[in-house]
Amino acid sequence: MEKKEIEFIGIASQYKSEESFAWDVSKEDFIKITGREPNQNDKGIYIKDTYRVFPEMLYKEDSKYKIKIYIEKL
């Protein structure tokens, strides 16, 4: 079983839809989470110099995952 631990600081994005939610993160955290450079479509809409990360960017669709979320207010 592949195990991956990711820690990042994110702001709950004002982006909302019925299917998903997002976090606005720094460029460095975006790269750490996704493994790639962000493009124009990844830019945060409401918070300057951030990039949106959606939950589905954390895993592959065709696999089963155990996800643990720890929330700490900074």
Protein backbone atom coordinates (compact mmCIF):
# COMPACT_ATOMS: atom_id res chain seq x y z
CA MET A 1 0.00 0.00 0.00
CA GLU A 2 1.43 3.34 -1.04
CA LYS A 3 1.41 5.85 1.82
CA LYS A 4 1.83 9.58 1.34
CA GLU A 5 1.76 12.28 3.99
CA ILE A 6 1.15 15.87 2.93
CA GLU A 7 1.08 18.87 5.21
CA PHE A 8 0.10 22.27 3.91
CA ILE A 9 -1.45 25.51 5.03
CA GLY A 10 -4.57 26.43 3.10
CA ILE A 11 -7.35 28.94 3.26
CA ALA A 12 -10.84 27.67 2.53
CA SER A 13 -11.42 29.00 -0.96
CA GLN A 14 -14.54 30.99 -1.68
CA TYR A 15 -14.93 28.69 -4.69
CA LYS A 16 -17.96 26.51 -4.08
CA SER A 17 -19.92 24.08 -6.19
CA GLU A 18 -22.23 21.17 -5.52
CA GLU A 19 -19.48 18.70 -6.40
CA SER A 20 -16.38 20.01 -4.63
CA PHE A 21 -14.56 22.58 -2.55
CA ALA A 22 -11.02 23.92 -2.66
CA TRP A 23 -8.19 25.34 -0.60
CA ASP A 24 -6.16 28.37 -1.66
CA VAL A 25 -2.48 27.63 -1.07
CA SER A 26 0.92 29.12 -1.84
CA LYS A 27 2.77 28.19 -5.03
CA GLU A 28 5.25 26.14 -3.00
CA ASP A 29 2.48 24.12 -1.35
CA PHE A 30 0.69 23.67 -4.69
CA ILE A 31 3.84 22.10 -6.16
CA LYS A 32 4.35 19.94 -3.05
CA ILE A 33 0.76 18.66 -3.25
CA THR A 34 0.40 18.14 -7.01
CA GLY A 35 4.00 17.53 -8.07
CA ARG A 36 3.75 20.11 -10.85
CA GLU A 37 3.97 23.83 -11.50
CA PRO A 38 0.62 25.64 -11.40
CA ASN A 39 -0.85 27.03 -14.59
CA GLN A 40 -3.27 29.90 -15.27
CA ASN A 41 -6.32 27.71 -14.53
CA ASP A 42 -4.97 26.88 -11.05
CA LYS A 43 -4.84 30.50 -9.84
CA GLY A 44 -6.93 31.40 -6.81
CA ILE A 45 -9.83 33.63 -7.74
CA TYR A 46 -10.33 35.66 -4.58
CA ILE A 47 -7.00 35.65 -2.73
CA LYS A 48 -4.00 37.15 -4.56
CA ASP A 49 -0.92 34.97 -5.13
CA THR A 50 -2.66 31.69 -4.27
CA TYR A 51 -3.50 28.56 -6.21
CA ARG A 52 -6.56 26.33 -5.83
CA VAL A 53 -6.17 22.75 -4.69
CA PHE A 54 -9.18 20.46 -4.97
CA PRO A 55 -9.50 17.25 -2.90
CA GLU A 56 -9.29 15.11 -6.04
CA MET A 57 -5.75 16.45 -6.63
CA LEU A 58 -4.64 14.49 -3.55
CA TYR A 59 -5.41 11.03 -4.93
CA LYS A 60 -6.09 8.97 -8.04
CA GLU A 61 -9.72 8.24 -8.95
CA ASP A 62 -9.34 4.50 -9.46
CA SER A 63 -8.02 3.67 -5.99
CA LYS A 64 -9.36 3.36 -2.46
CA TYR A 65 -7.87 5.72 0.15
CA LYS A 66 -7.99 6.38 3.85
CA ILE A 67 -7.90 10.14 4.35
CA LYS A 68 -7.14 11.80 7.67
CA ILE A 69 -7.60 15.54 8.10
CA TYR A 70 -6.23 17.48 11.05
CA ILE A 71 -7.41 21.07 11.34
CA GLU A 72 -5.46 23.61 13.36
CA LYS A 73 -6.37 27.29 13.36
CA LEU A 74 -3.31 29.50 12.89
